[in-house]
Amino acid sequence: MNNKIKLKKGDEVVVLTGKDKGKTGKIIRMIPKQMKAIVSEINKVKKNRKPDNNQPGGIVDKEMPLHISNLAFYDPEVKKGIKIGYKLNNDKKIRINKSTGKEIK
């Protein structure tokens, strides 16, 4: 199963479902094999950490991965999630907003 992931690290996304529905954040890390992404300040859970030589133990907040089907690219101009498409421009593949046709940077 080789699905194309149209989102990238650093993209601003909006959560479509779950406890954080409607919140926006930037993608910190992509996990392509699992089709998941870690988004800053979204899907936070409390984890117990054992003390280590470098860091103390205790309860820490940690961001957990979200499936990419629950995320949409956030367009600040229209203030909602949009679909992403591709277009060839001078032998260069660029991402575009499917509804307006504008280039995504």
PDB file of N, CA and C in Angstrom:
ATOM      1  N   MET A   1       0.847  -1.178   0.000  1.00  0.00           N
ATOM      2  CA  MET A   1       0.000   0.000   0.000  1.00  0.00           C
ATOM      3  C   MET A   1       0.888   1.235   0.000  1.00  0.00           C
ATOM      4  N   ASN A   2       0.932   1.917  -1.118  1.00  0.00           N
ATOM      5  CA  ASN A   2       1.798   3.070  -1.263  1.00  0.00           C
ATOM      6  C   ASN A   2       0.944   4.314  -1.483  1.00  0.00           C
ATOM      7  N   ASN A   3       0.454   4.875  -0.394  1.00  0.00           N
ATOM      8  CA  ASN A   3      -0.380   6.071  -0.487  1.00  0.00           C
ATOM      9  C   ASN A   3       0.478   7.316  -0.475  1.00  0.00           C
ATOM     10  N   LYS A   4       0.078   8.312  -1.250  1.00  0.00           N
ATOM     11  CA  LYS A   4       0.801   9.576  -1.322  1.00  0.00           C
ATOM     12  C   LYS A   4       0.315  10.499  -0.212  1.00  0.00           C
ATOM     13  N   ILE A   5       1.235  10.949   0.619  1.00  0.00           N
ATOM     14  CA  ILE A   5       0.908  11.890   1.683  1.00  0.00           C
ATOM     15  C   ILE A   5       1.167  13.293   1.149  1.00  0.00           C
ATOM     16  N   LYS A   6       0.127  14.123   1.136  1.00  0.00           N
ATOM     17  CA  LYS A   6       0.255  15.464   0.567  1.00  0.00           C
ATOM     18  C   LYS A   6       0.670  16.501   1.609  1.00  0.00           C
ATOM     19  N   LEU A   7       0.599  16.145   2.888  1.00  0.00           N
ATOM     20  CA  LEU A   7       1.027  17.055   3.947  1.00  0.00           C
ATOM     21  C   LEU A   7       2.516  16.885   4.192  1.00  0.00           C
ATOM     22  N   LYS A   8       3.158  17.961   4.649  1.00  0.00           N
ATOM     23  CA  LYS A   8       4.602  17.936   4.913  1.00  0.00           C
ATOM     24  C   LYS A   8       4.891  18.471   6.305  1.00  0.00           C
ATOM     25  N   LYS A   9       6.081  18.205   6.768  1.00  0.00           N
ATOM     26  CA  LYS A   9       6.539  18.756   8.044  1.00  0.00           C
ATOM     27  C   LYS A   9       6.558  20.280   7.946  1.00  0.00           C
ATOM     28  N   GLY A  10       6.003  20.951   8.963  1.00  0.00           N
ATOM     29  CA  GLY A  10       5.959  22.412   8.973  1.00  0.00           C
ATOM     30  C   GLY A  10       4.655  22.991   8.454  1.00  0.00           C
ATOM     31  N   ASP A  11       3.785  22.162   7.874  1.00  0.00           N
ATOM     32  CA  ASP A  11       2.487  22.648   7.378  1.00  0.00           C
ATOM     33  C   ASP A  11       1.562  22.983   8.541  1.00  0.00           C
ATOM     34  N   GLU A  12       0.750  24.012   8.355  1.00  0.00           N
ATOM     35  CA  GLU A  12      -0.295  24.365   9.318  1.00  0.00           C
ATOM     36  C   GLU A  12      -1.517  23.523   8.967  1.00  0.00           C
ATOM     37  N   VAL A  13      -2.021  22.745   9.949  1.00  0.00           N
ATOM     38  CA  VAL A  13      -3.150  21.852   9.708  1.00  0.00           C
ATOM     39  C   VAL A  13      -4.265  22.106  10.711  1.00  0.00           C
ATOM     40  N   VAL A  14      -5.478  21.678  10.340  1.00  0.00           N
ATOM     41  CA  VAL A  14      -6.632  21.744  11.232  1.00  0.00           C
ATOM     42  C   VAL A  14      -7.089  20.312  11.476  1.00  0.00           C
ATOM     43  N   VAL A  15      -7.501  20.000  12.729  1.00  0.00           N
ATOM     44  CA  VAL A  15      -7.959  18.667  13.092  1.00  0.00           C
ATOM     45  C   VAL A  15      -9.435  18.548  12.729  1.00  0.00           C
ATOM     46  N   LEU A  16      -9.789  17.461  12.020  1.00  0.00           N
ATOM     47  CA  LEU A  16     -11.153  17.266  11.541  1.00  0.00           C
ATOM     48  C   LEU A  16     -12.021  16.475  12.514  1.00  0.00           C
ATOM     49  N   THR A  17     -11.436  15.542  13.265  1.00  0.00           N
ATOM     50  CA  THR A  17     -12.208  14.706  14.183  1.00  0.00           C
ATOM     51  C   THR A  17     -11.450  14.493  15.483  1.00  0.00           C
ATOM     52  N   GLY A  18     -12.163  14.030  16.497  1.00  0.00           N
ATOM     53  CA  GLY A  18     -11.545  13.684  17.766  1.00  0.00           C
ATOM     54  C   GLY A  18     -11.724  14.761  18.814  1.00  0.00           C
ATOM     55  N   LYS A  19     -11.005  14.591  19.931  1.00  0.00           N
ATOM     56  CA  LYS A  19     -11.168  15.509  21.063  1.00  0.00           C
ATOM     57  C   LYS A  19     -10.647  16.909  20.769  1.00  0.00           C
ATOM     58  N   ASP A  20      -9.756  17.053  19.812  1.00  0.00           N
ATOM     59  CA  ASP A  20      -9.189  18.358  19.463  1.00  0.00           C
ATOM     60  C   ASP A  20      -9.761  18.906  18.157  1.00  0.00           C
ATOM     61  N   LYS A  21     -10.970  18.506  17.792  1.00  0.00           N
ATOM     62  CA  LYS A  21     -11.600  18.923  16.539  1.00  0.00           C
ATOM     63  C   LYS A  21     -11.668  20.449  16.442  1.00  0.00           C
ATOM     64  N   GLY A  22     -11.223  20.985  15.291  1.00  0.00           N
ATOM     65  CA  GLY A  22     -11.277  22.421  15.051  1.00  0.00           C
ATOM     66  C   GLY A  22     -10.010  23.164  15.435  1.00  0.00           C
ATOM     67  N   LYS A  23      -9.114  22.530  16.197  1.00  0.00           N
ATOM     68  CA  LYS A  23      -7.867  23.193  16.604  1.00  0.00           C
ATOM     69  C   LYS A  23      -6.857  23.129  15.469  1.00  0.00           C
ATOM     70  N   THR A  24      -5.953  24.125  15.446  1.00  0.00           N
ATOM     71  CA  THR A  24      -4.915  24.156  14.420  1.00  0.00           C
ATOM     72  C   THR A  24      -3.542  24.072  15.069  1.00  0.00           C
ATOM     73  N   GLY A  25      -2.578  23.591  14.299  1.00  0.00           N
ATOM     74  CA  GLY A  25      -1.202  23.495  14.765  1.00  0.00           C
ATOM     75  C   GLY A  25      -0.285  23.135  13.611  1.00  0.00           C
ATOM     76  N   LYS A  26       1.019  23.194  13.866  1.00  0.00           N
ATOM     77  CA  LYS A  26       2.015  22.862  12.847  1.00  0.00           C
ATOM     78  C   LYS A  26       2.454  21.411  13.007  1.00  0.00           C
ATOM     79  N   ILE A  27       2.737  20.763  11.883  1.00  0.00           N
ATOM     80  CA  ILE A  27       3.222  19.389  11.912  1.00  0.00           C
ATOM     81  C   ILE A  27       4.680  19.412  12.351  1.00  0.00           C
ATOM     82  N   ILE A  28       4.968  18.679  13.439  1.00  0.00           N
ATOM     83  CA  ILE A  28       6.332  18.586  13.962  1.00  0.00           C
ATOM     84  C   ILE A  28       7.085  17.452  13.284  1.00  0.00           C
ATOM     85  N   ARG A  29       6.383  16.312  13.114  1.00  0.00           N
ATOM     86  CA  ARG A  29       7.036  15.127  12.573  1.00  0.00           C
ATOM     87  C   ARG A  29       6.029  14.289  11.798  1.00  0.00           C
ATOM     88  N   MET A  30       6.470  13.723  10.684  1.00  0.00           N
ATOM     89  CA  MET A  30       5.648  12.816   9.895  1.00  0.00           C
ATOM     90  C   MET A  30       6.137  11.388  10.112  1.00  0.00           C
ATOM     91  N   ILE A  31       5.180  10.440  10.152  1.00  0.00           N
ATOM     92  CA  ILE A  31       5.504   9.013  10.254  1.00  0.00           C
ATOM     93  C   ILE A  31       4.839   8.332   9.054  1.00  0.00           C
ATOM     94  N   PRO A  32       5.508   8.336   7.880  1.00  0.00           N
ATOM     95  CA  PRO A  32       4.864   7.893   6.648  1.00  0.00           C
ATOM     96  C   PRO A  32       4.470   6.412   6.631  1.00  0.00           C
ATOM     97  N   LYS A  33       5.239   5.539   7.260  1.00  0.00           N
ATOM     98  CA  LYS A  33       4.911   4.110   7.239  1.00  0.00           C
ATOM     99  C   LYS A  33       3.602   3.824   7.965  1.00  0.00           C
ATOM    100  N   GLN A  34       3.301   4.589   9.003  1.00  0.00           N
ATOM    101  CA  GLN A  34       2.061   4.406   9.753  1.00  0.00           C
ATOM    102  C   GLN A  34       0.966   5.366   9.293  1.00  0.00           C
ATOM    103  N   MET A  35       1.284   6.241   8.332  1.00  0.00           N
ATOM    104  CA  MET A  35       0.346   7.253   7.834  1.00  0.00           C
ATOM    105  C   MET A  35      -0.115   8.167   8.970  1.00  0.00           C
ATOM    106  N   LYS A  36       0.814   8.591   9.827  1.00  0.00           N
ATOM    107  CA  LYS A  36       0.489   9.439  10.969  1.00  0.00           C
ATOM    108  C   LYS A  36       1.382  10.667  11.006  1.00  0.00           C
ATOM    109  N   ALA A  37       0.942  11.660  11.782  1.00  0.00           N
ATOM    110  CA  ALA A  37       1.702  12.895  11.955  1.00  0.00           C
ATOM    111  C   ALA A  37       1.571  13.354  13.396  1.00  0.00           C
ATOM    112  N   ILE A  38       2.620  13.999  13.912  1.00  0.00           N
ATOM    113  CA  ILE A  38       2.583  14.594  15.246  1.00  0.00           C
ATOM    114  C   ILE A  38       2.447  16.096  15.054  1.00  0.00           C
ATOM    115  N   VAL A  39       1.386  16.666  15.661  1.00  0.00           N
ATOM    116  CA  VAL A  39       1.069  18.085  15.512  1.00  0.00           C
ATOM    117  C   VAL A  39       1.319  18.787  16.846  1.00  0.00           C
ATOM    118  N   SER A  40       1.935  19.968  16.804  1.00  0.00           N
ATOM    119  CA  SER A  40       2.266  20.702  18.026  1.00  0.00           C
ATOM    120  C   SER A  40       1.012  21.102  18.791  1.00  0.00           C
ATOM    121  N   GLU A  41       1.026  20.874  20.095  1.00  0.00           N
ATOM    122  CA  GLU A  41      -0.051  21.247  21.023  1.00  0.00           C
ATOM    123  C   GLU A  41      -1.394  20.570  20.733  1.00  0.00           C
ATOM    124  N   ILE A  42      -1.388  19.467  19.966  1.00  0.00           N
ATOM    125  CA  ILE A  42      -2.612  18.727  19.645  1.00  0.00           C
ATOM    126  C   ILE A  42      -2.443  17.275  20.110  1.00  0.00           C
ATOM    127  N   ASN A  43      -3.543  16.674  20.602  1.00  0.00           N
ATOM    128  CA  ASN A  43      -3.569  15.279  21.047  1.00  0.00           C
ATOM    129  C   ASN A  43      -2.541  15.026  22.148  1.00  0.00           C
ATOM    130  N   LYS A  44      -2.526  15.919  23.153  1.00  0.00           N
ATOM    131  CA  LYS A  44      -1.592  15.780  24.266  1.00  0.00           C
ATOM    132  C   LYS A  44      -2.127  14.795  25.294  1.00  0.00           C
ATOM    133  N   VAL A  45      -1.218  13.974  25.827  1.00  0.00           N
ATOM    134  CA  VAL A  45      -1.546  13.030  26.892  1.00  0.00           C
ATOM    135  C   VAL A  45      -0.502  13.153  27.990  1.00  0.00           C
ATOM    136  N   LYS A  46      -0.860  12.684  29.170  1.00  0.00           N
ATOM    137  CA  LYS A  46       0.081  12.679  30.291  1.00  0.00           C
ATOM    138  C   LYS A  46       0.775  11.327  30.313  1.00  0.00           C
ATOM    139  N   LYS A  47       2.099  11.326  30.414  1.00  0.00           N
ATOM    140  CA  LYS A  47       2.884  10.097  30.464  1.00  0.00           C
ATOM    141  C   LYS A  47       3.769  10.124  31.710  1.00  0.00           C
ATOM    142  N   ASN A  48       3.922   8.965  32.331  1.00  0.00           N
ATOM    143  CA  ASN A  48       4.838   8.842  33.464  1.00  0.00           C
ATOM    144  C   ASN A  48       6.220   8.521  32.931  1.00  0.00           C
ATOM    145  N   ARG A  49       7.214   9.311  33.340  1.00  0.00           N
ATOM    146  CA  ARG A  49       8.579   9.119  32.877  1.00  0.00           C
ATOM    147  C   ARG A  49       9.450   8.689  34.046  1.00  0.00           C
ATOM    148  N   LYS A  50      10.254   7.649  33.812  1.00  0.00           N
ATOM    149  CA  LYS A  50      11.194   7.203  34.831  1.00  0.00           C
ATOM    150  C   LYS A  50      12.379   8.147  34.869  1.00  0.00           C
ATOM    151  N   PRO A  51      12.955   8.339  36.060  1.00  0.00           N
ATOM    152  CA  PRO A  51      14.157   9.175  36.106  1.00  0.00           C
ATOM    153  C   PRO A  51      15.315   8.518  35.360  1.00  0.00           C
ATOM    154  N   ASP A  52      16.113   9.354  34.735  1.00  0.00           N
ATOM    155  CA  ASP A  52      17.253   8.898  33.948  1.00  0.00           C
ATOM    156  C   ASP A  52      18.481   9.671  34.416  1.00  0.00           C
ATOM    157  N   ASN A  53      19.640   9.344  33.891  1.00  0.00           N
ATOM    158  CA  ASN A  53      20.852  10.084  34.247  1.00  0.00           C
ATOM    159  C   ASN A  53      20.751  11.548  33.818  1.00  0.00           C
ATOM    160  N   ASN A  54      20.100  11.801  32.685  1.00  0.00           N
ATOM    161  CA  ASN A  54      20.040  13.148  32.113  1.00  0.00           C
ATOM    162  C   ASN A  54      18.823  13.947  32.550  1.00  0.00           C
ATOM    163  N   GLN A  55      17.707  13.280  32.892  1.00  0.00           N
ATOM    164  CA  GLN A  55      16.482  14.003  33.166  1.00  0.00           C
ATOM    165  C   GLN A  55      15.748  13.416  34.367  1.00  0.00           C
ATOM    166  N   PRO A  56      15.006  14.259  35.077  1.00  0.00           N
ATOM    167  CA  PRO A  56      14.264  13.763  36.232  1.00  0.00           C
ATOM    168  C   PRO A  56      12.990  13.039  35.787  1.00  0.00           C
ATOM    169  N   GLY A  57      12.444  12.237  36.683  1.00  0.00           N
ATOM    170  CA  GLY A  57      11.204  11.529  36.399  1.00  0.00           C
ATOM    171  C   GLY A  57      10.004  12.412  36.706  1.00  0.00           C
ATOM    172  N   GLY A  58       8.819  11.890  36.491  1.00  0.00           N
ATOM    173  CA  GLY A  58       7.600  12.618  36.788  1.00  0.00           C
ATOM    174  C   GLY A  58       6.584  12.479  35.680  1.00  0.00           C
ATOM    175  N   ILE A  59       5.524  13.244  35.789  1.00  0.00           N
ATOM    176  CA  ILE A  59       4.458  13.227  34.795  1.00  0.00           C
ATOM    177  C   ILE A  59       4.715  14.341  33.781  1.00  0.00           C
ATOM    178  N   VAL A  60       4.768  13.961  32.499  1.00  0.00           N
ATOM    179  CA  VAL A  60       5.037  14.940  31.433  1.00  0.00           C
ATOM    180  C   VAL A  60       3.901  14.908  30.407  1.00  0.00           C
ATOM    181  N   ASP A  61       3.666  16.061  29.756  1.00  0.00           N
ATOM    182  CA  ASP A  61       2.714  16.125  28.648  1.00  0.00           C
ATOM    183  C   ASP A  61       3.451  15.776  27.363  1.00  0.00           C
ATOM    184  N   LYS A  62       2.832  14.925  26.555  1.00  0.00           N
ATOM    185  CA  LYS A  62       3.468  14.469  25.328  1.00  0.00           C
ATOM    186  C   LYS A  62       2.437  14.486  24.202  1.00  0.00           C
ATOM    187  N   GLU A  63       2.862  14.903  22.994  1.00  0.00           N
ATOM    188  CA  GLU A  63       1.985  14.882  21.833  1.00  0.00           C
ATOM    189  C   GLU A  63       2.032  13.497  21.207  1.00  0.00           C
ATOM    190  N   MET A  64       0.874  12.934  20.944  1.00  0.00           N
ATOM    191  CA  MET A  64       0.781  11.619  20.333  1.00  0.00           C
ATOM    192  C   MET A  64       0.407  11.765  18.859  1.00  0.00           C
ATOM    193  N   PRO A  65       0.746  10.760  18.037  1.00  0.00           N
ATOM    194  CA  PRO A  65       0.455  10.851  16.598  1.00  0.00           C
ATOM    195  C   PRO A  65      -1.032  10.804  16.283  1.00  0.00           C
ATOM    196  N   LEU A  66      -1.412  11.503  15.213  1.00  0.00           N
ATOM    197  CA  LEU A  66      -2.765  11.490  14.664  1.00  0.00           C
ATOM    198  C   LEU A  66      -2.694  10.914  13.255  1.00  0.00           C
ATOM    199  N   HIS A  67      -3.723  10.178  12.853  1.00  0.00           N
ATOM    200  CA  HIS A  67      -3.770   9.667  11.486  1.00  0.00           C
ATOM    201  C   HIS A  67      -3.992  10.842  10.537  1.00  0.00           C
ATOM    202  N   ILE A  68      -3.343  10.800   9.371  1.00  0.00           N
ATOM    203  CA  ILE A  68      -3.405  11.945   8.459  1.00  0.00           C
ATOM    204  C   ILE A  68      -4.794  12.148   7.856  1.00  0.00           C
ATOM    205  N   SER A  69      -5.649  11.124   7.923  1.00  0.00           N
ATOM    206  CA  SER A  69      -7.010  11.292   7.421  1.00  0.00           C
ATOM    207  C   SER A  69      -7.821  12.213   8.326  1.00  0.00           C
ATOM    208  N   ASN A  70      -7.349  12.438   9.554  1.00  0.00           N
ATOM    209  CA  ASN A  70      -8.031  13.321  10.496  1.00  0.00           C
ATOM    210  C   ASN A  70      -7.491  14.749  10.443  1.00  0.00           C
ATOM    211  N   LEU A  71      -6.601  15.038   9.491  1.00  0.00           N
ATOM    212  CA  LEU A  71      -5.995  16.361   9.355  1.00  0.00           C
ATOM    213  C   LEU A  71      -6.289  16.932   7.971  1.00  0.00           C
ATOM    214  N   ALA A  72      -6.388  18.248   7.903  1.00  0.00           N
ATOM    215  CA  ALA A  72      -6.536  18.937   6.615  1.00  0.00           C
ATOM    216  C   ALA A  72      -5.630  20.165   6.634  1.00  0.00           C
ATOM    217  N   PHE A  73      -5.070  20.508   5.477  1.00  0.00           N
ATOM    218  CA  PHE A  73      -4.220  21.688   5.357  1.00  0.00           C
ATOM    219  C   PHE A  73      -5.049  22.926   5.684  1.00  0.00           C
ATOM    220  N   TYR A  74      -4.519  23.809   6.538  1.00  0.00           N
ATOM    221  CA  TYR A  74      -5.241  25.008   6.968  1.00  0.00           C
ATOM    222  C   TYR A  74      -4.833  26.192   6.109  1.00  0.00           C
ATOM    223  N   ASP A  75      -5.818  26.810   5.471  1.00  0.00           N
ATOM    224  CA  ASP A  75      -5.584  28.005   4.655  1.00  0.00           C
ATOM    225  C   ASP A  75      -6.005  29.226   5.459  1.00  0.00           C
ATOM    226  N   PRO A  76      -5.061  30.100   5.863  1.00  0.00           N
ATOM    227  CA  PRO A  76      -5.421  31.261   6.679  1.00  0.00           C
ATOM    228  C   PRO A  76      -6.281  32.287   5.951  1.00  0.00           C
ATOM    229  N   GLU A  77      -6.269  32.303   4.616  1.00  0.00           N
ATOM    230  CA  GLU A  77      -7.087  33.260   3.861  1.00  0.00           C
ATOM    231  C   GLU A  77      -8.569  32.949   3.984  1.00  0.00           C
ATOM    232  N   VAL A  78      -8.933  31.661   3.855  1.00  0.00           N
ATOM    233  CA  VAL A  78     -10.348  31.278   3.964  1.00  0.00           C
ATOM    234  C   VAL A  78     -10.690  30.773   5.362  1.00  0.00           C
ATOM    235  N   LYS A  79      -9.682  30.621   6.206  1.00  0.00           N
ATOM    236  CA  LYS A  79      -9.829  30.205   7.609  1.00  0.00           C
ATOM    237  C   LYS A  79     -10.538  28.869   7.762  1.00  0.00           C
ATOM    238  N   LYS A  80     -10.139  27.890   6.923  1.00  0.00           N
ATOM    239  CA  LYS A  80     -10.661  26.541   7.069  1.00  0.00           C
ATOM    240  C   LYS A  80      -9.734  25.547   6.374  1.00  0.00           C
ATOM    241  N   GLY A  81     -10.015  24.271   6.566  1.00  0.00           N
ATOM    242  CA  GLY A  81      -9.212  23.224   5.950  1.00  0.00           C
ATOM    243  C   GLY A  81      -9.526  23.100   4.466  1.00  0.00           C
ATOM    244  N   ILE A  82      -8.488  22.819   3.675  1.00  0.00           N
ATOM    245  CA  ILE A  82      -8.656  22.698   2.220  1.00  0.00           C
ATOM    246  C   ILE A  82      -8.030  21.407   1.733  1.00  0.00           C
ATOM    247  N   LYS A  83      -8.375  21.037   0.495  1.00  0.00           N
ATOM    248  CA  LYS A  83      -7.757  19.893  -0.149  1.00  0.00           C
ATOM    249  C   LYS A  83      -6.569  20.381  -0.968  1.00  0.00           C
ATOM    250  N   ILE A  84      -5.553  19.519  -1.054  1.00  0.00           N
ATOM    251  CA  ILE A  84      -4.326  19.859  -1.778  1.00  0.00           C
ATOM    252  C   ILE A  84      -4.257  19.038  -3.053  1.00  0.00           C
ATOM    253  N   GLY A  85      -3.853  19.697  -4.146  1.00  0.00           N
ATOM    254  CA  GLY A  85      -3.630  19.014  -5.410  1.00  0.00           C
ATOM    255  C   GLY A  85      -2.234  19.337  -5.922  1.00  0.00           C
ATOM    256  N   TYR A  86      -1.879  18.746  -7.042  1.00  0.00           N
ATOM    257  CA  TYR A  86      -0.565  18.984  -7.637  1.00  0.00           C
ATOM    258  C   TYR A  86      -0.732  19.511  -9.048  1.00  0.00           C
ATOM    259  N   LYS A  87       0.266  20.286  -9.497  1.00  0.00           N
ATOM    260  CA  LYS A  87       0.264  20.844 -10.846  1.00  0.00           C
ATOM    261  C   LYS A  87       1.712  20.936 -11.299  1.00  0.00           C
ATOM    262  N   LEU A  88       1.959  20.659 -12.574  1.00  0.00           N
ATOM    263  CA  LEU A  88       3.301  20.802 -13.133  1.00  0.00           C
ATOM    264  C   LEU A  88       3.472  22.218 -13.649  1.00  0.00           C
ATOM    265  N   ASN A  89       4.564  22.854 -13.228  1.00  0.00           N
ATOM    266  CA  ASN A  89       4.852  24.220 -13.634  1.00  0.00           C
ATOM    267  C   ASN A  89       6.324  24.278 -14.027  1.00  0.00           C
ATOM    268  N   ASN A  90       6.596  24.381 -15.331  1.00  0.00           N
ATOM    269  CA  ASN A  90       7.968  24.397 -15.849  1.00  0.00           C
ATOM    270  C   ASN A  90       8.753  23.174 -15.378  1.00  0.00           C
ATOM    271  N   ASP A  91       8.178  22.003 -15.568  1.00  0.00           N
ATOM    272  CA  ASP A  91       8.781  20.716 -15.161  1.00  0.00           C
ATOM    273  C   ASP A  91       9.048  20.643 -13.671  1.00  0.00           C
ATOM    274  N   LYS A  92       8.305  21.411 -12.886  1.00  0.00           N
ATOM    275  CA  LYS A  92       8.433  21.393 -11.435  1.00  0.00           C
ATOM    276  C   LYS A  92       7.059  21.115 -10.849  1.00  0.00           C
ATOM    277  N   LYS A  93       6.971  20.158  -9.941  1.00  0.00           N
ATOM    278  CA  LYS A  93       5.694  19.783  -9.330  1.00  0.00           C
ATOM    279  C   LYS A  93       5.431  20.694  -8.140  1.00  0.00           C
ATOM    280  N   ILE A  94       4.298  21.406  -8.156  1.00  0.00           N
ATOM    281  CA  ILE A  94       3.967  22.320  -7.065  1.00  0.00           C
ATOM    282  C   ILE A  94       2.627  21.918  -6.441  1.00  0.00           C
ATOM    283  N   ARG A  95       2.456  22.224  -5.170  1.00  0.00           N
ATOM    284  CA  ARG A  95       1.188  21.959  -4.481  1.00  0.00           C
ATOM    285  C   ARG A  95       0.263  23.162  -4.678  1.00  0.00           C
ATOM    286  N   ILE A  96      -1.012  22.858  -4.930  1.00  0.00           N
ATOM    287  CA  ILE A  96      -1.993  23.924  -5.132  1.00  0.00           C
ATOM    288  C   ILE A  96      -3.228  23.674  -4.266  1.00  0.00           C
ATOM    289  N   ASN A  97      -3.952  24.769  -4.001  1.00  0.00           N
ATOM    290  CA  ASN A  97      -5.251  24.694  -3.340  1.00  0.00           C
ATOM    291  C   ASN A  97      -6.252  24.256  -4.408  1.00  0.00           C
ATOM    292  N   LYS A  98      -6.940  23.137  -4.169  1.00  0.00           N
ATOM    293  CA  LYS A  98      -7.841  22.603  -5.204  1.00  0.00           C
ATOM    294  C   LYS A  98      -9.035  23.514  -5.477  1.00  0.00           C
ATOM    295  N   SER A  99      -9.522  24.227  -4.477  1.00  0.00           N
ATOM    296  CA  SER A  99     -10.711  25.045  -4.699  1.00  0.00           C
ATOM    297  C   SER A  99     -10.396  26.361  -5.420  1.00  0.00           C
ATOM    298  N   THR A 100      -9.257  26.983  -5.115  1.00  0.00           N
ATOM    299  CA  THR A 100      -8.921  28.256  -5.747  1.00  0.00           C
ATOM    300  C   THR A 100      -7.868  28.142  -6.842  1.00  0.00           C
ATOM    301  N   GLY A 101      -7.056  27.102  -6.810  1.00  0.00           N
ATOM    302  CA  GLY A 101      -5.999  26.933  -7.794  1.00  0.00           C
ATOM    303  C   GLY A 101      -4.731  27.698  -7.461  1.00  0.00           C
ATOM    304  N   LYS A 102      -4.682  28.336  -6.300  1.00  0.00           N
ATOM    305  CA  LYS A 102      -3.486  29.096  -5.906  1.00  0.00           C
ATOM    306  C   LYS A 102      -2.399  28.155  -5.399  1.00  0.00           C
ATOM    307  N   GLU A 103      -1.146  28.586  -5.577  1.00  0.00           N
ATOM    308  CA  GLU A 103       0.004  27.807  -5.147  1.00  0.00           C
ATOM    309  C   GLU A 103       0.147  27.848  -3.625  1.00  0.00           C
ATOM    310  N   ILE A 104       0.514  26.708  -3.049  1.00  0.00           N
ATOM    311  CA  ILE A 104       0.789  26.621  -1.604  1.00  0.00           C
ATOM    312  C   ILE A 104       2.288  26.678  -1.424  1.00  0.00           C
ATOM    313  N   LYS A 105       2.713  27.561  -0.526  1.00  0.00           N
ATOM    314  CA  LYS A 105       4.148  27.722  -0.290  1.00  0.00           C
ATOM    315  C   LYS A 105       4.644  26.813   0.787  1.00  0.00           C
TER     316      LYS A 105
END
